[in-house]
Amino acid sequence: MKDLFTDEVKQGLAAGSILLIDVREPHEFEAGHIPGSVSMPLSEFDPHALPEANGKRIVFSCRTGGRTLQALKLVQDAGIDLSEHYKPSFFGWVSEGGEVAYGDA
């Protein structure tokens, strides 16, 4: 596992080099999420249905970092070579003053 922190995620999102996948449930995502993140709820998570990354690094995010580890285990068990997660996740993003988007987009 590779833990990423807020500065690196912000830089990656701004540069277009990170695809941030939010594994929280739809109601959590709609109530507030990191701009540019993609919703893929852990309760329905299918490692083989990951969105096309187009050369970006796939990084998982959730509320506090626990569900990201579960998502990584699922992708690794499926033979997919991913290992990065945003350890502070959404709570860390908000506590460090990150912008928040709302709705399901």
N, C-alpha and C. Protein backbone atom coordinates (compact mmCIF):
# COMPACT_ATOMS: atom_id res chain seq x y z
N MET A 1 0.84 -1.19 0.00
CA MET A 1 0.00 0.00 0.00
C MET A 1 0.88 1.25 0.00
N LYS A 2 0.43 2.22 -0.73
CA LYS A 2 1.12 3.51 -0.70
C LYS A 2 0.11 4.56 -0.24
N ASP A 3 0.42 5.20 0.88
CA ASP A 3 -0.42 6.26 1.42
C ASP A 3 -0.08 7.58 0.73
N LEU A 4 -1.09 8.23 0.18
CA LEU A 4 -0.92 9.57 -0.36
C LEU A 4 -1.57 10.55 0.60
N PHE A 5 -1.06 11.78 0.60
CA PHE A 5 -1.60 12.80 1.48
C PHE A 5 -2.13 13.96 0.65
N THR A 6 -2.75 14.91 1.31
CA THR A 6 -3.52 15.95 0.64
C THR A 6 -2.75 16.72 -0.42
N ASP A 7 -1.57 17.18 -0.11
CA ASP A 7 -0.82 17.97 -1.10
C ASP A 7 -0.60 17.20 -2.39
N GLU A 8 -0.22 15.93 -2.27
CA GLU A 8 0.04 15.12 -3.46
C GLU A 8 -1.24 14.87 -4.26
N VAL A 9 -2.36 14.64 -3.55
CA VAL A 9 -3.63 14.43 -4.25
C VAL A 9 -4.08 15.71 -4.94
N LYS A 10 -3.97 16.84 -4.25
CA LYS A 10 -4.35 18.12 -4.86
C LYS A 10 -3.53 18.39 -6.12
N GLN A 11 -2.23 18.16 -6.03
CA GLN A 11 -1.35 18.38 -7.18
C GLN A 11 -1.71 17.44 -8.33
N GLY A 12 -1.97 16.18 -8.01
CA GLY A 12 -2.32 15.21 -9.04
C GLY A 12 -3.63 15.51 -9.71
N LEU A 13 -4.62 15.96 -8.94
CA LEU A 13 -5.91 16.33 -9.52
C LEU A 13 -5.75 17.56 -10.42
N ALA A 14 -5.00 18.54 -9.94
CA ALA A 14 -4.79 19.77 -10.72
C ALA A 14 -4.04 19.50 -12.02
N ALA A 15 -3.08 18.57 -11.95
CA ALA A 15 -2.27 18.24 -13.13
C ALA A 15 -2.96 17.24 -14.05
N GLY A 16 -4.06 16.65 -13.57
CA GLY A 16 -4.75 15.65 -14.37
C GLY A 16 -4.03 14.31 -14.39
N SER A 17 -3.19 14.05 -13.38
CA SER A 17 -2.43 12.80 -13.35
C SER A 17 -3.02 11.75 -12.41
N ILE A 18 -4.08 12.13 -11.67
CA ILE A 18 -4.72 11.20 -10.73
C ILE A 18 -6.20 11.08 -11.07
N LEU A 19 -6.69 9.84 -11.07
CA LEU A 19 -8.13 9.57 -11.12
C LEU A 19 -8.51 9.14 -9.71
N LEU A 20 -9.23 10.00 -9.01
CA LEU A 20 -9.61 9.74 -7.62
C LEU A 20 -10.97 9.06 -7.59
N ILE A 21 -11.00 7.85 -7.06
CA ILE A 21 -12.23 7.08 -6.97
C ILE A 21 -12.70 7.08 -5.53
N ASP A 22 -13.89 7.62 -5.31
CA ASP A 22 -14.51 7.73 -3.99
C ASP A 22 -15.38 6.50 -3.77
N VAL A 23 -15.03 5.68 -2.77
CA VAL A 23 -15.76 4.44 -2.53
C VAL A 23 -16.83 4.56 -1.44
N ARG A 24 -17.15 5.80 -1.05
CA ARG A 24 -18.24 5.98 -0.09
C ARG A 24 -19.57 5.70 -0.78
N GLU A 25 -20.62 5.60 0.01
CA GLU A 25 -21.95 5.32 -0.53
C GLU A 25 -22.52 6.55 -1.25
N PRO A 26 -23.47 6.36 -2.18
CA PRO A 26 -23.99 7.48 -2.98
C PRO A 26 -24.48 8.67 -2.16
N HIS A 27 -25.17 8.40 -1.04
CA HIS A 27 -25.68 9.53 -0.24
C HIS A 27 -24.53 10.33 0.37
N GLU A 28 -23.44 9.67 0.71
CA GLU A 28 -22.27 10.37 1.25
C GLU A 28 -21.62 11.22 0.16
N PHE A 29 -21.47 10.65 -1.02
CA PHE A 29 -20.86 11.35 -2.15
C PHE A 29 -21.68 12.60 -2.51
N GLU A 30 -23.00 12.45 -2.58
CA GLU A 30 -23.88 13.56 -2.93
C GLU A 30 -23.83 14.67 -1.89
N ALA A 31 -23.62 14.31 -0.63
CA ALA A 31 -23.59 15.30 0.46
C ALA A 31 -22.29 16.11 0.46
N GLY A 32 -21.30 15.68 -0.30
CA GLY A 32 -20.04 16.41 -0.41
C GLY A 32 -18.92 15.47 -0.81
N HIS A 33 -18.16 15.88 -1.82
CA HIS A 33 -17.04 15.06 -2.28
C HIS A 33 -15.92 15.94 -2.82
N ILE A 34 -14.79 15.34 -3.02
CA ILE A 34 -13.64 16.04 -3.57
C ILE A 34 -13.90 16.31 -5.05
N PRO A 35 -13.81 17.57 -5.49
CA PRO A 35 -14.07 17.87 -6.89
C PRO A 35 -13.19 17.03 -7.82
N GLY A 36 -13.82 16.48 -8.84
CA GLY A 36 -13.10 15.66 -9.80
C GLY A 36 -13.08 14.19 -9.46
N SER A 37 -13.53 13.84 -8.26
CA SER A 37 -13.56 12.42 -7.89
C SER A 37 -14.74 11.73 -8.57
N VAL A 38 -14.62 10.41 -8.69
CA VAL A 38 -15.64 9.57 -9.32
C VAL A 38 -16.22 8.65 -8.26
N SER A 39 -17.53 8.53 -8.23
CA SER A 39 -18.19 7.68 -7.25
C SER A 39 -18.21 6.22 -7.73
N MET A 40 -17.77 5.34 -6.84
CA MET A 40 -17.81 3.90 -7.08
C MET A 40 -17.98 3.23 -5.73
N PRO A 41 -19.24 3.18 -5.22
CA PRO A 41 -19.50 2.72 -3.85
C PRO A 41 -18.96 1.33 -3.55
N LEU A 42 -18.36 1.19 -2.38
CA LEU A 42 -17.79 -0.08 -1.97
C LEU A 42 -18.86 -1.18 -1.90
N SER A 43 -20.10 -0.83 -1.54
CA SER A 43 -21.16 -1.83 -1.42
C SER A 43 -21.49 -2.48 -2.76
N GLU A 44 -21.13 -1.82 -3.87
CA GLU A 44 -21.39 -2.36 -5.20
C GLU A 44 -20.09 -2.53 -5.98
N PHE A 45 -18.98 -2.49 -5.30
CA PHE A 45 -17.67 -2.41 -5.93
C PHE A 45 -17.34 -3.65 -6.75
N ASP A 46 -16.99 -3.43 -8.00
CA ASP A 46 -16.54 -4.49 -8.89
C ASP A 46 -15.20 -4.06 -9.46
N PRO A 47 -14.12 -4.70 -9.05
CA PRO A 47 -12.80 -4.29 -9.52
C PRO A 47 -12.66 -4.29 -11.04
N HIS A 48 -13.45 -5.13 -11.69
CA HIS A 48 -13.37 -5.22 -13.15
C HIS A 48 -14.17 -4.13 -13.84
N ALA A 49 -14.86 -3.29 -13.06
CA ALA A 49 -15.64 -2.18 -13.61
C ALA A 49 -15.00 -0.83 -13.33
N LEU A 50 -13.71 -0.84 -13.01
CA LEU A 50 -13.02 0.43 -12.77
C LEU A 50 -13.11 1.30 -14.03
N PRO A 51 -13.29 2.60 -13.85
CA PRO A 51 -13.34 3.47 -15.02
C PRO A 51 -11.99 3.51 -15.75
N GLU A 52 -12.03 3.82 -17.02
CA GLU A 52 -10.81 3.95 -17.81
C GLU A 52 -9.98 5.09 -17.24
N ALA A 53 -8.74 4.82 -16.92
CA ALA A 53 -7.89 5.82 -16.28
C ALA A 53 -7.17 6.72 -17.29
N ASN A 54 -7.09 6.31 -18.54
CA ASN A 54 -6.42 7.11 -19.58
C ASN A 54 -5.05 7.61 -19.15
N GLY A 55 -4.24 6.70 -18.61
CA GLY A 55 -2.88 7.05 -18.21
C GLY A 55 -2.75 7.69 -16.84
N LYS A 56 -3.86 7.95 -16.18
CA LYS A 56 -3.81 8.54 -14.83
C LYS A 56 -3.57 7.46 -13.79
N ARG A 57 -3.04 7.86 -12.65
CA ARG A 57 -2.89 6.96 -11.51
C ARG A 57 -4.24 6.86 -10.82
N ILE A 58 -4.71 5.64 -10.58
CA ILE A 58 -5.96 5.45 -9.83
C ILE A 58 -5.64 5.47 -8.35
N VAL A 59 -6.36 6.35 -7.64
CA VAL A 59 -6.19 6.51 -6.20
C VAL A 59 -7.57 6.42 -5.57
N PHE A 60 -7.69 5.65 -4.49
CA PHE A 60 -8.97 5.48 -3.81
C PHE A 60 -9.09 6.44 -2.63
N SER A 61 -10.33 6.88 -2.40
CA SER A 61 -10.66 7.78 -1.29
C SER A 61 -11.98 7.34 -0.70
N CYS A 62 -12.17 7.62 0.59
CA CYS A 62 -13.45 7.34 1.25
C CYS A 62 -13.71 8.43 2.28
N ARG A 63 -14.21 8.09 3.41
CA ARG A 63 -14.50 9.10 4.45
C ARG A 63 -13.26 9.36 5.31
N THR A 64 -12.67 8.28 5.84
CA THR A 64 -11.53 8.44 6.73
C THR A 64 -10.35 7.54 6.37
N GLY A 65 -10.44 6.75 5.34
CA GLY A 65 -9.33 5.92 4.88
C GLY A 65 -9.51 4.43 5.03
N GLY A 66 -10.49 3.96 5.78
CA GLY A 66 -10.68 2.52 6.00
C GLY A 66 -11.22 1.78 4.79
N ARG A 67 -12.23 2.35 4.15
CA ARG A 67 -12.83 1.67 2.99
C ARG A 67 -11.89 1.65 1.79
N THR A 68 -10.98 2.60 1.73
CA THR A 68 -10.02 2.58 0.62
C THR A 68 -9.17 1.31 0.69
N LEU A 69 -8.81 0.90 1.89
CA LEU A 69 -8.01 -0.31 2.05
C LEU A 69 -8.80 -1.54 1.62
N GLN A 70 -10.10 -1.55 1.89
CA GLN A 70 -10.95 -2.65 1.46
C GLN A 70 -11.03 -2.70 -0.07
N ALA A 71 -11.18 -1.53 -0.69
CA ALA A 71 -11.23 -1.46 -2.16
C ALA A 71 -9.92 -1.94 -2.76
N LEU A 72 -8.80 -1.53 -2.18
CA LEU A 72 -7.50 -1.97 -2.68
C LEU A 72 -7.34 -3.49 -2.56
N LYS A 73 -7.81 -4.05 -1.47
CA LYS A 73 -7.74 -5.51 -1.30
C LYS A 73 -8.55 -6.19 -2.39
N LEU A 74 -9.73 -5.67 -2.69
CA LEU A 74 -10.57 -6.26 -3.73
C LEU A 74 -9.89 -6.21 -5.10
N VAL A 75 -9.28 -5.07 -5.44
CA VAL A 75 -8.63 -4.98 -6.75
C VAL A 75 -7.39 -5.87 -6.80
N GLN A 76 -6.65 -5.92 -5.71
CA GLN A 76 -5.46 -6.77 -5.70
C GLN A 76 -5.83 -8.25 -5.75
N ASP A 77 -6.91 -8.63 -5.04
CA ASP A 77 -7.38 -10.01 -5.09
C ASP A 77 -7.85 -10.39 -6.50
N ALA A 78 -8.27 -9.39 -7.27
CA ALA A 78 -8.71 -9.61 -8.65
C ALA A 78 -7.54 -9.58 -9.62
N GLY A 79 -6.32 -9.43 -9.11
CA GLY A 79 -5.14 -9.44 -9.95
C GLY A 79 -4.83 -8.11 -10.61
N ILE A 80 -5.42 -7.03 -10.11
CA ILE A 80 -5.19 -5.70 -10.67
C ILE A 80 -4.12 -5.01 -9.83
N ASP A 81 -3.13 -4.47 -10.50
CA ASP A 81 -1.97 -3.90 -9.82
C ASP A 81 -2.20 -2.43 -9.47
N LEU A 82 -2.89 -2.20 -8.38
CA LEU A 82 -3.09 -0.85 -7.84
C LEU A 82 -2.71 -0.89 -6.37
N SER A 83 -2.15 0.22 -5.87
CA SER A 83 -1.72 0.18 -4.46
C SER A 83 -1.85 1.52 -3.75
N GLU A 84 -2.40 2.55 -4.41
CA GLU A 84 -2.41 3.88 -3.78
C GLU A 84 -3.79 4.25 -3.22
N HIS A 85 -3.75 4.85 -2.05
CA HIS A 85 -4.98 5.40 -1.50
C HIS A 85 -4.66 6.73 -0.80
N TYR A 86 -5.70 7.57 -0.78
CA TYR A 86 -5.59 8.87 -0.13
C TYR A 86 -5.93 8.64 1.33
N LYS A 87 -4.89 8.48 2.15
CA LYS A 87 -5.06 8.07 3.54
C LYS A 87 -5.99 8.97 4.35
N PRO A 88 -5.83 10.31 4.34
CA PRO A 88 -6.74 11.14 5.13
C PRO A 88 -8.16 11.18 4.57
N SER A 89 -8.30 10.88 3.29
CA SER A 89 -9.58 10.82 2.60
C SER A 89 -10.40 12.11 2.79
N PHE A 90 -11.73 11.99 2.67
CA PHE A 90 -12.58 13.18 2.63
C PHE A 90 -12.45 14.03 3.89
N PHE A 91 -12.41 13.41 5.06
CA PHE A 91 -12.28 14.21 6.30
C PHE A 91 -10.98 15.00 6.30
N GLY A 92 -9.91 14.38 5.86
CA GLY A 92 -8.64 15.09 5.78
C GLY A 92 -8.69 16.24 4.79
N TRP A 93 -9.32 15.99 3.65
CA TRP A 93 -9.47 17.02 2.61
C TRP A 93 -10.17 18.24 3.19
N VAL A 94 -11.30 18.01 3.84
CA VAL A 94 -12.09 19.11 4.41
C VAL A 94 -11.33 19.81 5.53
N SER A 95 -10.70 19.03 6.41
CA SER A 95 -9.99 19.65 7.54
C SER A 95 -8.80 20.48 7.09
N GLU A 96 -8.29 20.18 5.88
CA GLU A 96 -7.16 20.95 5.36
C GLU A 96 -7.62 22.05 4.39
N GLY A 97 -8.94 22.34 4.41
CA GLY A 97 -9.45 23.45 3.63
C GLY A 97 -9.71 23.19 2.17
N GLY A 98 -9.77 21.91 1.78
CA GLY A 98 -10.03 21.57 0.39
C GLY A 98 -11.44 21.94 -0.04
N GLU A 99 -11.56 22.30 -1.30
CA GLU A 99 -12.87 22.63 -1.89
C GLU A 99 -13.74 21.38 -1.90
N VAL A 100 -15.06 21.58 -1.76
CA VAL A 100 -16.00 20.46 -1.74
C VAL A 100 -17.03 20.67 -2.84
N ALA A 101 -17.34 19.60 -3.58
CA ALA A 101 -18.39 19.62 -4.59
C ALA A 101 -19.59 18.88 -4.03
N TYR A 102 -20.77 19.18 -4.55
CA TYR A 102 -22.00 18.57 -4.08
C TYR A 102 -22.78 17.99 -5.23
N GLY A 103 -23.65 17.02 -4.94
CA GLY A 103 -24.45 16.37 -5.97
C GLY A 103 -23.80 15.09 -6.42
N ASP A 104 -24.34 14.52 -7.47
CA ASP A 104 -23.86 13.21 -7.90
C ASP A 104 -22.90 13.28 -9.09
N ALA A 105 -22.46 14.47 -9.44
CA ALA A 105 -21.56 14.60 -10.59
C ALA A 105 -20.12 14.68 -10.15
